[in-house]
């Protein structure tokens, strides 16, 4: 946790503890930046194993942190089991991370932030700094409670209140949920239309309507932005809407409007997540000190080989791709596996990559066959077409939950297809 003068943890009437502003906080300010103290891994479906994982982490905490954790609210009390007590507190208070490695986590101060459907703070896991952040969506006055939203922002009032009561055991009394009946229905109509427009825009971008019907697409986004503004100031959905508008006009050669929409999108994302969130780059942040080759690498996000002995970044999808990103045997994408130049260039340097996946299941009949799950949660088979048919691996090395590493893996098309898998599987190119 960082020292912070923006807020204090105080009793909030009807809500227990909460974060209250001790000074005026301007829009876009990073209110909180915090590391997790307890985490659960992504992709672990078995509750008993998660309970054990959480209990081990709680027991390993220093006394002050353990006491802070135990003082959190628990709507799943278990008096006869310490393990279940810990798990109940975790379920009640954990915030989602979902960065490919961590599913959810406990943060001593961020988990004290209460919910409001018209929240004034935006929560986000910043994978660049490995911390949970909260930014002010609008100006927050001294004495105001800092709030975040626990739910999807496009849910109507009845759905929101039922979900909050079922999942978190409280009744929301925020401004949106306390509107008079007719105003509440009008708010729900806006949210329904925003959700409908989001589907129309997404499908249009995916199926080419931004070229065939660009003006209609722009009208959809225009209406969505207007509805967001009517719903409340500085909605967190606005940056994506501006980004969608930028894609539409740029695809049709309107660079002037494209620049304005892109700047608005980046400005909104920076308000929501900060300038150090790695996907946020403003138009004036083009690097000027790079040599030509390094500039082109930056521009195209090219793979840049690491120095010998430098630790690998397992999050680098260029070095550790998912199954869908692998090249195909003899395919047109074979030039992608060179660090620079093209495949026909005798000076082009080949690069290597490693496909990583978790063993979900396996069988040892005619040959070793594994069912794998990659970093994108995609399921696929791996077959061992070696002389020993997979028997060269020791039995103790083949376990569910273990990781398979395939150097320079490629898609390979077989003459047959299993009905429950696509006709392409990962195949090693070496030993």
Protein backbone atom coordinates (compact mmCIF):
# COMPACT_ATOMS: atom_id res chain seq x y z
CA UNK A 1 0.00 0.00 0.00
CA UNK A 2 1.07 3.56 -0.68
CA UNK A 3 0.80 6.39 1.80
CA UNK A 4 -2.27 8.39 0.81
CA UNK A 5 -3.64 11.74 1.91
CA UNK A 6 -6.75 11.66 -0.29
CA UNK A 7 -8.93 9.49 1.94
CA UNK A 8 -9.44 7.93 5.33
CA UNK A 9 -11.15 4.67 6.28
CA UNK A 10 -14.18 5.66 8.32
CA UNK A 11 -17.56 4.37 9.44
CA UNK A 12 -20.21 5.06 6.81
CA UNK A 13 -23.84 5.04 8.01
CA UNK A 14 -25.57 1.85 6.90
CA UNK A 15 -22.49 0.49 5.16
CA UNK A 16 -19.88 -0.29 7.80
CA UNK A 17 -16.39 0.87 6.88
CA UNK A 18 -15.68 2.88 3.72
CA UNK A 19 -13.26 5.32 2.14
CA UNK A 20 -14.08 9.01 2.63
CA UNK A 21 -12.31 11.91 0.89
CA UNK A 22 -10.37 14.12 3.32
CA UNK A 23 -9.77 16.77 0.65
CA UNK A 24 -11.19 17.66 -2.73
CA UNK A 25 -10.08 15.10 -5.32
CA UNK A 26 -9.97 16.28 -8.93
CA UNK A 27 -11.23 14.23 -11.84
CA UNK A 28 -8.58 11.82 -13.13
CA UNK A 29 -6.63 11.70 -9.85
CA UNK A 30 -5.23 8.33 -8.85
CA UNK A 31 -6.86 7.88 -5.48
CA UNK A 32 -5.38 4.52 -4.62
CA UNK A 33 -2.65 2.20 -5.87
CA UNK A 34 -2.27 -1.08 -4.01
CA UNK A 35 -0.69 -4.53 -4.22
CA UNK A 36 -2.72 -7.64 -3.36
CA UNK A 37 -2.11 -9.54 -0.13
CA UNK A 38 -4.09 -12.67 -1.11
CA UNK A 39 -4.78 -13.97 -4.61
CA UNK A 40 -6.52 -16.87 -6.33
CA UNK A 41 -5.10 -18.25 -9.58
CA UNK A 42 -6.89 -17.93 -12.89
CA UNK A 43 -8.57 -21.09 -14.17
CA UNK A 44 -8.81 -23.01 -10.89
CA UNK A 45 -12.41 -24.30 -10.71
CA UNK A 46 -12.16 -26.49 -7.60
CA UNK A 47 -13.43 -24.65 -4.51
CA UNK A 48 -11.71 -26.96 -1.96
CA UNK A 49 -8.32 -26.22 -3.53
CA UNK A 50 -9.07 -22.49 -3.57
CA UNK A 51 -10.00 -22.62 0.13
CA UNK A 52 -6.68 -24.26 0.94
CA UNK A 53 -4.78 -21.69 -1.18
CA UNK A 54 -6.48 -18.76 0.56
CA UNK A 55 -6.01 -20.26 4.05
CA UNK A 56 -2.28 -20.80 3.44
CA UNK A 57 -1.87 -17.18 2.35
CA UNK A 58 -3.84 -15.82 5.32
CA UNK A 59 -1.75 -17.85 7.77
CA UNK A 60 1.43 -16.51 6.15
CA UNK A 61 0.42 -12.84 6.60
CA UNK A 62 2.11 -10.69 9.18
CA UNK A 63 -0.15 -10.17 12.23
CA UNK A 64 -1.35 -6.65 11.34
CA UNK A 65 -2.38 -7.65 7.82
CA UNK A 66 -4.04 -10.83 9.07
CA UNK A 67 -6.03 -8.81 11.58
CA UNK A 68 -7.04 -6.32 8.88
CA UNK A 69 -8.23 -9.20 6.71
CA UNK A 70 -10.18 -10.82 9.56
CA UNK A 71 -11.92 -7.51 10.32
CA UNK A 72 -13.52 -7.43 6.86
CA UNK A 73 -17.20 -8.22 6.41
CA UNK A 74 -18.22 -11.84 5.95
CA UNK A 75 -21.66 -12.77 4.60
CA UNK A 76 -20.74 -16.49 4.57
CA UNK A 77 -19.92 -17.18 8.24
CA UNK A 78 -18.58 -20.61 9.22
CA UNK A 79 -17.99 -20.84 12.94
CA UNK A 80 -16.63 -24.40 12.95
CA UNK A 81 -14.00 -24.10 10.22
CA UNK A 82 -11.17 -21.58 10.07
CA UNK A 83 -10.56 -22.49 6.43
CA UNK A 84 -14.19 -21.78 5.51
CA UNK A 85 -14.13 -18.58 7.60
CA UNK A 86 -11.19 -17.29 5.54
CA UNK A 87 -12.92 -18.34 2.32
CA UNK A 88 -16.13 -16.54 3.34
CA UNK A 89 -14.24 -13.28 3.93
CA UNK A 90 -12.45 -13.71 0.62
CA UNK A 91 -15.69 -14.35 -1.30
CA UNK A 92 -17.34 -11.31 0.28
CA UNK A 93 -14.55 -8.82 -0.38
CA UNK A 94 -12.29 -9.99 -3.24
CA UNK A 95 -11.97 -7.81 -6.34
CA UNK A 96 -11.52 -9.25 -9.86
CA UNK A 97 -8.10 -9.06 -11.50
CA UNK A 98 -8.31 -11.55 -14.40
CA UNK A 99 -4.98 -10.74 -15.98
CA UNK A 100 -4.37 -14.29 -17.19
CA UNK A 101 -2.62 -15.32 -13.97
CA UNK A 102 -4.71 -13.94 -11.10
CA UNK A 103 -8.50 -14.35 -10.98
CA UNK A 104 -9.29 -12.23 -7.93
CA UNK A 105 -7.50 -10.73 -4.95
CA UNK A 106 -7.80 -9.07 -1.56
CA UNK A 107 -6.51 -5.51 -1.13
CA UNK A 108 -6.53 -4.13 2.40
CA UNK A 109 -7.85 -0.69 1.47
CA UNK A 110 -9.41 -1.11 -2.01
CA UNK A 111 -11.68 -3.86 -0.66
CA UNK A 112 -13.10 -1.35 1.82
CA UNK A 113 -14.56 0.76 -1.00
CA UNK A 114 -18.33 0.49 -1.04
CA UNK A 115 -20.58 0.15 -4.08
CA UNK A 116 -22.68 2.76 -5.86
CA UNK A 117 -24.27 2.27 -9.27
CA UNK A 118 -23.39 5.92 -10.04
CA UNK A 119 -19.92 5.53 -8.55
CA UNK A 120 -17.37 8.34 -8.55
CA UNK A 121 -14.32 6.05 -8.76
CA UNK A 122 -13.16 3.62 -11.42
CA UNK A 123 -11.34 0.45 -10.31
CA UNK A 124 -8.83 -1.27 -12.54
CA UNK A 125 -5.98 -3.76 -12.33
CA UNK A 126 -2.93 -2.09 -13.90
CA UNK A 127 -0.90 -4.95 -15.34
CA UNK A 128 1.98 -2.60 -16.14
CA UNK A 129 2.70 -1.89 -12.46
CA UNK A 130 1.03 -5.03 -11.02
CA UNK A 131 -1.24 -3.03 -8.74
CA UNK A 132 -4.94 -2.29 -8.30
CA UNK A 133 -5.80 1.35 -8.98
CA UNK A 134 -8.81 3.57 -8.38
CA UNK A 135 -9.19 6.88 -10.24
CA UNK A 136 -11.67 9.71 -9.75
CA UNK A 137 -14.25 9.67 -12.57
CA UNK A 138 -15.27 13.20 -11.63
CA UNK A 139 -14.44 15.77 -8.95
CA UNK A 140 -15.02 14.36 -5.46
CA UNK A 141 -15.66 16.87 -2.68
CA UNK A 142 -14.12 16.69 0.78
CA UNK A 143 -16.31 14.50 3.00
CA UNK A 144 -17.83 12.54 0.10
CA UNK A 145 -17.61 8.77 0.14
CA UNK A 146 -15.44 7.22 -2.57
CA UNK A 147 -17.38 4.50 -4.38
CA UNK A 148 -16.91 1.94 -7.16
CA UNK A 149 -19.40 -0.25 -9.04
CA UNK A 150 -19.49 -3.99 -8.31
CA UNK A 151 -21.70 -4.82 -11.32
CA UNK A 152 -22.01 -4.37 -15.07
CA UNK A 153 -22.95 -0.77 -15.74
CA UNK A 154 -25.70 -1.63 -18.25
CA UNK A 155 -27.99 -3.48 -15.81
CA UNK A 156 -31.41 -2.02 -15.03
CA UNK A 157 -32.41 -1.04 -11.50
CA UNK A 158 -34.39 -4.17 -10.65
CA UNK A 159 -31.62 -6.46 -11.94
CA UNK A 160 -28.95 -4.46 -10.11
CA UNK A 161 -30.76 -4.49 -6.79
CA UNK A 162 -31.57 -8.21 -6.98
CA UNK A 163 -27.97 -9.12 -7.89
CA UNK A 164 -26.54 -6.96 -5.11
CA UNK A 165 -28.91 -8.42 -2.54
CA UNK A 166 -28.30 -12.01 -3.67
CA UNK A 167 -24.53 -11.77 -4.06
CA UNK A 168 -23.50 -9.13 -1.53
CA UNK A 169 -26.45 -9.11 0.92
CA UNK A 170 -27.21 -5.38 0.86
CA UNK A 171 -29.79 -3.05 -0.68
CA UNK A 172 -28.34 -0.26 -2.79
CA UNK A 173 -29.53 3.28 -1.99
CA UNK A 174 -27.35 5.22 -4.45
CA UNK A 175 -28.70 8.10 -6.55
CA UNK A 176 -29.65 5.87 -9.50
CA UNK A 177 -31.42 3.30 -7.35
CA UNK A 178 -33.24 6.04 -5.39
CA UNK A 179 -34.70 7.86 -8.40
CA UNK A 180 -38.47 8.39 -8.48
CA UNK A 181 -40.31 5.62 -10.32
CA UNK A 182 -40.66 7.36 -13.70
CA UNK A 183 -37.08 8.68 -13.68
CA UNK A 184 -35.88 5.21 -12.75
CA UNK A 185 -37.75 3.69 -15.71
CA UNK A 186 -36.27 6.33 -18.02
CA UNK A 187 -32.79 5.49 -16.72
CA UNK A 188 -33.43 1.80 -17.41
CA UNK A 189 -34.60 2.64 -20.95
CA UNK A 190 -31.36 4.52 -21.56
CA UNK A 191 -29.29 1.62 -20.28
CA UNK A 192 -31.21 -0.86 -22.43
CA UNK A 193 -30.68 1.30 -25.51
CA UNK A 194 -26.96 1.74 -24.72
CA UNK A 195 -26.64 -2.04 -24.52
CA UNK A 196 -28.56 -2.47 -27.80
CA UNK A 197 -26.38 0.12 -29.54
CA UNK A 198 -23.25 -1.56 -28.24
CA UNK A 199 -24.32 -4.76 -30.00
CA UNK A 200 -25.10 -2.93 -33.25
CA UNK A 201 -21.74 -1.14 -33.20
CA UNK A 202 -19.76 -4.28 -32.35
CA UNK A 203 -21.42 -6.29 -35.12
CA UNK A 204 -20.97 -3.44 -37.57
CA UNK A 205 -17.26 -3.19 -36.84
CA UNK A 206 -16.85 -6.95 -37.12
CA UNK A 207 -18.80 -7.39 -40.38
CA UNK A 208 -17.72 -4.36 -42.37
CA UNK A 209 -20.61 -1.94 -41.85
CA UNK A 210 -18.08 0.79 -41.02
CA UNK A 211 -17.29 0.78 -44.78
CA UNK A 212 -20.70 -0.09 -46.25
CA UNK A 213 -22.78 2.14 -43.91
CA UNK A 214 -20.36 4.51 -42.19
CA UNK A 215 -22.85 7.31 -41.57
CA UNK A 216 -25.35 4.95 -39.93
CA UNK A 217 -22.57 3.51 -37.77
CA UNK A 218 -21.52 7.00 -36.71
CA UNK A 219 -25.15 7.80 -35.86
CA UNK A 220 -25.23 4.77 -33.55
CA UNK A 221 -22.14 5.99 -31.68
CA UNK A 222 -23.46 9.56 -31.56
CA UNK A 223 -26.68 8.34 -29.94
CA UNK A 224 -24.74 6.16 -27.50
CA UNK A 225 -22.55 9.09 -26.38
CA UNK A 226 -25.65 11.27 -25.90
CA UNK A 227 -27.29 8.57 -23.77
CA UNK A 228 -24.15 8.12 -21.67
CA UNK A 229 -24.09 11.87 -20.99
CA UNK A 230 -27.78 11.86 -20.06
CA UNK A 231 -27.22 8.94 -17.70
CA UNK A 232 -24.55 10.77 -15.74
CA UNK A 233 -21.35 12.77 -16.14
CA UNK A 234 -18.10 11.16 -17.31
CA UNK A 235 -19.38 7.61 -17.74
CA UNK A 236 -16.61 5.02 -18.00
CA UNK A 237 -18.14 3.73 -21.27
CA UNK A 238 -17.45 6.99 -23.14
CA UNK A 239 -13.80 6.25 -24.07
CA UNK A 240 -14.76 3.06 -25.92
CA UNK A 241 -17.52 4.91 -27.75
CA UNK A 242 -15.07 7.58 -28.90
CA UNK A 243 -12.63 4.87 -29.96
CA UNK A 244 -15.37 3.18 -32.01
CA UNK A 245 -16.11 6.53 -33.68
CA UNK A 246 -12.40 6.96 -34.47
CA UNK A 247 -12.28 3.56 -36.17
CA UNK A 248 -15.32 4.39 -38.31
CA UNK A 249 -14.12 7.75 -39.61
CA UNK A 250 -10.48 6.73 -40.08
CA UNK A 251 -11.53 3.67 -42.09
CA UNK A 252 -13.29 6.11 -44.43
CA UNK A 253 -10.36 8.52 -44.73
CA UNK A 254 -11.61 11.21 -42.33
CA UNK A 255 -8.39 11.71 -40.39
CA UNK A 256 -9.36 15.09 -38.91
CA UNK A 257 -12.36 13.69 -37.05
CA UNK A 258 -10.42 10.49 -36.38
CA UNK A 259 -7.77 12.40 -34.48
CA UNK A 260 -10.32 14.23 -32.34
CA UNK A 261 -12.19 11.04 -31.46
CA UNK A 262 -8.92 9.21 -30.71
CA UNK A 263 -7.76 12.01 -28.42
CA UNK A 264 -11.07 11.91 -26.55
CA UNK A 265 -10.79 8.14 -26.16
CA UNK A 266 -7.26 8.31 -24.77
CA UNK A 267 -8.18 11.21 -22.47
CA UNK A 268 -11.03 9.15 -21.04
CA UNK A 269 -8.92 6.03 -20.61
CA UNK A 270 -6.28 8.06 -18.80
CA UNK A 271 -8.92 9.43 -16.47
CA UNK A 272 -10.11 5.88 -15.76
CA UNK A 273 -6.77 4.09 -15.52
CA UNK A 274 -3.84 6.54 -15.42
CA UNK A 275 -1.05 7.43 -17.81
CA UNK A 276 1.10 4.43 -16.84
CA UNK A 277 -1.41 1.89 -18.13
CA UNK A 278 0.61 0.54 -21.05
CA UNK A 279 -2.15 0.57 -23.67
CA UNK A 280 -2.77 4.30 -23.19
CA UNK A 281 -0.62 6.35 -25.58
CA UNK A 282 -1.45 9.93 -26.46
CA UNK A 283 -0.90 11.37 -29.95
CA UNK A 284 1.94 13.54 -28.66
CA UNK A 285 3.82 10.58 -27.16
CA UNK A 286 5.50 9.39 -30.35
CA UNK A 287 9.13 8.65 -29.39
CA UNK A 288 11.50 11.16 -31.01
CA UNK A 289 14.88 9.90 -29.84
CA UNK A 290 14.81 6.45 -31.47
CA UNK A 291 16.93 5.53 -34.45
CA UNK A 292 15.05 4.55 -37.61
CA UNK A 293 15.19 0.79 -36.99
CA UNK A 294 14.15 1.10 -33.34
CA UNK A 295 11.35 3.50 -34.31
CA UNK A 296 9.94 1.00 -36.81
CA UNK A 297 10.13 -1.71 -34.12
CA UNK A 298 8.12 0.54 -31.81
CA UNK A 299 5.61 1.47 -34.52
CA UNK A 300 4.83 -2.11 -35.54
CA UNK A 301 5.23 -3.60 -32.04
CA UNK A 302 7.82 -5.96 -33.47
CA UNK A 303 9.46 -8.70 -31.53
CA UNK A 304 12.78 -7.48 -30.15
CA UNK A 305 15.08 -10.29 -29.00
CA UNK A 306 16.19 -10.18 -25.39
CA UNK A 307 19.79 -10.06 -24.32
CA UNK A 308 21.35 -13.38 -23.46
CA UNK A 309 20.66 -14.21 -19.84
CA UNK A 310 17.79 -11.73 -19.53
CA UNK A 311 14.72 -13.33 -17.82
CA UNK A 312 11.84 -14.02 -20.18
CA UNK A 313 8.50 -12.28 -19.78
CA UNK A 314 5.86 -15.04 -19.77
CA UNK A 315 3.19 -12.46 -20.64
CA UNK A 316 4.90 -11.67 -23.95
CA UNK A 317 2.56 -13.22 -26.52
CA UNK A 318 5.22 -12.92 -29.21
CA UNK A 319 7.50 -15.30 -27.29
CA UNK A 320 4.73 -17.30 -25.60
CA UNK A 321 1.77 -17.29 -28.03
CA UNK A 322 -1.64 -18.86 -27.59
CA UNK A 323 -2.76 -21.64 -29.90
CA UNK A 324 -4.62 -19.32 -32.29
CA UNK A 325 -1.45 -17.21 -32.73
CA UNK A 326 0.80 -20.10 -33.81
CA UNK A 327 2.05 -20.24 -37.42
CA UNK A 328 0.84 -23.01 -39.74
CA UNK A 329 3.04 -25.60 -41.41
CA UNK A 330 3.90 -24.22 -44.85
CA UNK A 331 1.41 -21.38 -44.38
CA UNK A 332 1.66 -17.86 -45.70
CA UNK A 333 2.44 -16.62 -42.20
CA UNK A 334 5.84 -18.31 -42.10
CA UNK A 335 7.62 -14.97 -42.52
CA UNK A 336 6.25 -13.96 -39.12
CA UNK A 337 8.75 -16.23 -37.44
CA UNK A 338 11.71 -14.08 -38.50
CA UNK A 339 13.01 -11.30 -36.32
CA UNK A 340 13.55 -8.98 -39.27
CA UNK A 341 13.41 -9.18 -43.02
CA UNK A 342 11.39 -11.92 -44.74
CA UNK A 343 11.80 -15.64 -45.11
CA UNK A 344 13.57 -15.36 -48.49
CA UNK A 345 16.14 -12.92 -47.08
CA UNK A 346 19.37 -14.86 -46.42
CA UNK A 347 20.22 -12.34 -43.65
CA UNK A 348 16.93 -12.72 -41.82
CA UNK A 349 17.40 -14.06 -38.31
CA UNK A 350 14.99 -16.81 -37.24
CA UNK A 351 13.43 -16.39 -33.83
CA UNK A 352 12.02 -18.97 -31.48
CA UNK A 353 8.86 -19.11 -29.42
CA UNK A 354 7.39 -21.47 -26.88
CA UNK A 355 3.79 -22.64 -26.64
CA UNK A 356 2.70 -23.15 -23.01
CA UNK A 357 -0.47 -24.94 -21.96
CA UNK A 358 -1.92 -26.67 -18.91
CA UNK A 359 -2.62 -30.41 -18.98
CA UNK A 360 -6.36 -30.79 -18.36
CA UNK A 361 -6.59 -34.50 -19.16
CA UNK A 362 -4.58 -37.27 -20.86
CA UNK A 363 -4.83 -40.84 -22.07
CA UNK A 364 -2.28 -43.58 -22.80
CA UNK A 365 -3.89 -45.95 -25.30
CA UNK A 366 -2.26 -46.26 -28.74
CA UNK A 367 -0.17 -43.18 -28.08
CA UNK A 368 0.05 -40.40 -25.51
CA UNK A 369 -2.72 -37.88 -26.07
CA UNK A 370 -3.25 -34.77 -23.95
CA UNK A 371 -6.08 -32.31 -23.67
CA UNK A 372 -4.59 -28.86 -23.09
CA UNK A 373 -5.78 -25.38 -22.12
CA UNK A 374 -3.73 -22.45 -23.43
CA UNK A 375 -3.33 -18.88 -22.13
CA UNK A 376 -6.53 -17.85 -23.95
CA UNK A 377 -8.51 -20.62 -22.18
CA UNK A 378 -8.77 -22.44 -25.54
CA UNK A 379 -9.00 -26.24 -25.33
CA UNK A 380 -7.03 -28.35 -27.81
CA UNK A 381 -5.49 -31.84 -28.19
CA UNK A 382 -1.78 -32.65 -28.32
CA UNK A 383 -0.74 -35.98 -29.91
CA UNK A 384 2.68 -37.61 -29.58
CA UNK A 385 3.69 -38.93 -33.04
CA UNK A 386 7.14 -39.99 -31.88
CA UNK A 387 8.79 -43.39 -32.22
CA UNK A 388 7.97 -44.22 -28.61
CA UNK A 389 4.46 -42.71 -28.94
CA UNK A 390 4.97 -40.61 -25.82
CA UNK A 391 6.41 -43.39 -23.68
CA UNK A 392 9.72 -41.51 -23.50
CA UNK A 393 8.11 -39.35 -20.78
CA UNK A 394 8.24 -40.66 -17.23
CA UNK A 395 4.75 -41.34 -15.78
CA UNK A 396 5.39 -38.93 -12.89
CA UNK A 397 5.90 -36.11 -15.44
CA UNK A 398 2.37 -36.51 -16.85
CA UNK A 399 -0.11 -35.01 -14.40
CA UNK A 400 -3.21 -32.88 -14.62
CA UNK A 401 -2.30 -29.29 -13.84
CA UNK A 402 1.26 -29.61 -15.13
CA UNK A 403 2.48 -27.31 -17.91
CA UNK A 404 3.44 -28.48 -21.39
CA UNK A 405 6.08 -26.44 -23.21
CA UNK A 406 6.42 -26.94 -26.98
CA UNK A 407 9.32 -25.10 -28.60
CA UNK A 408 8.54 -23.58 -32.01
CA UNK A 409 5.05 -25.12 -32.06
CA UNK A 410 2.95 -24.88 -35.22
CA UNK A 411 -0.55 -25.66 -36.37
CA UNK A 412 -0.63 -28.97 -38.24
CA UNK A 413 -3.50 -30.17 -40.44
CA UNK A 414 -4.28 -33.88 -40.30
CA UNK A 415 -6.34 -35.81 -42.83
CA UNK A 416 -8.88 -36.62 -40.15
CA UNK A 417 -10.73 -34.42 -37.68
CA UNK A 418 -12.11 -35.32 -34.28
CA UNK A 419 -15.69 -34.04 -34.09
CA UNK A 420 -15.07 -32.13 -30.87
CA UNK A 421 -11.79 -30.48 -31.88
CA UNK A 422 -10.69 -28.37 -34.86
CA UNK A 423 -8.51 -30.12 -37.40
CA UNK A 424 -5.39 -28.32 -36.33
CA UNK A 425 -3.24 -29.27 -33.36
CA UNK A 426 0.04 -28.08 -31.93
CA UNK A 427 3.04 -30.04 -33.14
CA UNK A 428 6.66 -29.71 -32.05
CA UNK A 429 9.18 -29.04 -34.81
CA UNK A 430 12.17 -30.42 -32.94
CA UNK A 431 12.93 -33.12 -30.39
